[in-house]
Amino acid sequence: NLDLHRNKNGRADTARRCRKQVVAVTDDGRWRVFPYIEAAAEWLRDRRGTGGRENIGRCCRANALHKPNTDHHYMGIRFYFENDDIWIRKIRHE
């Protein structure tokens, strides 16, 4: 079964099968949902001229830890995993 999901290099292609939806929240409280991190990086590149999916993923993982008084952002935009409910609570309190 693993042979079905292997790419030409022999590594399992888990990046495409493990996509998570991402939410971008701007400082003015507007938010946008993306189907995966790369789509958010493309949107950020169109908007700001630069943007990397690694930094967006790092920001999502840091915000998923739910540490109090921390709010990680990248280029002035906060990124969260969509299935994590902390972004909804933060939008309601702004």
Protein backbone atom coordinates (compact mmCIF):
# COMPACT_ATOMS: atom_id res chain seq x y z
CA ASN A 1 0.00 0.00 0.00
CA LEU A 2 2.88 2.39 0.66
CA ASP A 3 4.10 1.98 -2.91
CA LEU A 4 0.97 3.76 -4.12
CA HIS A 5 1.94 6.93 -2.23
CA ARG A 6 5.66 6.99 -2.99
CA ASN A 7 7.14 9.63 -5.27
CA LYS A 8 10.05 9.14 -7.65
CA ASN A 9 12.67 9.66 -4.93
CA GLY A 10 11.36 6.76 -2.88
CA ARG A 11 10.11 8.92 0.01
CA ALA A 12 6.52 8.69 1.06
CA ASP A 13 4.59 11.72 -0.16
CA THR A 14 3.09 12.63 3.20
CA ALA A 15 3.05 16.40 2.66
CA ARG A 16 0.12 16.25 0.28
CA ARG A 17 -1.84 13.72 2.29
CA CYS A 18 -1.47 15.57 5.61
CA ARG A 19 -2.70 18.99 4.58
CA LYS A 20 -4.27 21.16 7.24
CA GLN A 21 -6.43 24.20 6.71
CA VAL A 22 -4.87 27.47 7.84
CA VAL A 23 -6.48 30.70 9.04
CA ALA A 24 -4.82 34.08 8.58
CA VAL A 25 -5.95 36.83 10.97
CA THR A 26 -4.93 40.42 10.27
CA ASP A 27 -4.54 43.13 12.90
CA ASP A 28 -7.88 44.71 11.99
CA GLY A 29 -9.70 41.46 12.87
CA ARG A 30 -10.37 40.22 9.35
CA TRP A 31 -9.64 36.57 8.71
CA ARG A 32 -9.29 34.24 5.77
CA VAL A 33 -9.23 30.42 5.55
CA PHE A 34 -6.84 28.59 3.23
CA PRO A 35 -6.97 24.90 2.28
CA TYR A 36 -3.28 24.40 3.14
CA ILE A 37 -0.12 26.29 4.13
CA GLU A 38 1.21 26.70 0.58
CA ALA A 39 -1.99 28.52 -0.46
CA ALA A 40 -1.51 30.91 2.47
CA ALA A 41 2.11 31.48 1.41
CA GLU A 42 1.00 32.28 -2.16
CA TRP A 43 -1.56 34.77 -0.83
CA LEU A 44 1.09 36.39 1.34
CA ARG A 45 3.51 36.59 -1.59
CA ASP A 46 0.84 38.33 -3.70
CA ARG A 47 0.10 40.74 -0.87
CA ARG A 48 3.55 41.52 0.54
CA GLY A 49 5.92 40.32 -2.16
CA THR A 50 7.47 37.63 0.02
CA GLY A 51 6.36 34.81 2.25
CA GLY A 52 7.50 31.33 3.15
CA ARG A 53 5.45 28.30 4.04
CA GLU A 54 8.02 27.20 6.61
CA ASN A 55 7.53 30.39 8.62
CA ILE A 56 3.75 30.14 8.36
CA GLY A 57 3.86 26.54 9.56
CA ARG A 58 6.14 27.50 12.45
CA CYS A 59 3.73 30.26 13.43
CA CYS A 60 0.74 27.87 13.31
CA ARG A 61 2.51 25.31 15.47
CA ALA A 62 3.58 27.94 18.01
CA ASN A 63 0.05 29.33 18.29
CA ALA A 64 -1.35 25.81 18.67
CA LEU A 65 0.50 25.41 21.97
CA HIS A 66 -2.03 27.79 23.63
CA LYS A 67 0.52 29.52 25.81
CA PRO A 68 -1.08 32.50 27.57
CA ASN A 69 0.01 35.99 26.55
CA THR A 70 1.72 34.76 23.41
CA ASP A 71 0.57 35.61 19.94
CA HIS A 72 2.98 34.54 17.23
CA HIS A 73 2.73 36.24 13.87
CA TYR A 74 4.58 36.37 10.59
CA MET A 75 4.84 39.64 8.66
CA GLY A 76 2.14 41.19 10.85
CA ILE A 77 -0.40 38.42 10.27
CA ARG A 78 -1.28 35.74 12.79
CA PHE A 79 -1.65 32.21 11.41
CA TYR A 80 -3.55 29.36 13.09
CA PHE A 81 -4.57 25.85 12.15
CA GLU A 82 -8.27 25.93 11.30
CA ASN A 83 -9.16 22.94 13.48
CA ASP A 84 -7.67 24.74 16.49
CA ASP A 85 -10.39 26.78 18.19
CA ILE A 86 -8.08 29.37 19.77
CA TRP A 87 -8.30 31.66 16.73
CA ILE A 88 -12.09 31.88 17.10
CA ARG A 89 -11.77 32.91 20.74
CA LYS A 90 -9.14 35.52 19.89
CA ILE A 91 -11.30 37.04 17.16
CA ARG A 92 -14.29 37.29 19.50
CA HIS A 93 -12.24 39.10 22.17
CA GLU A 94 -10.82 41.72 19.77
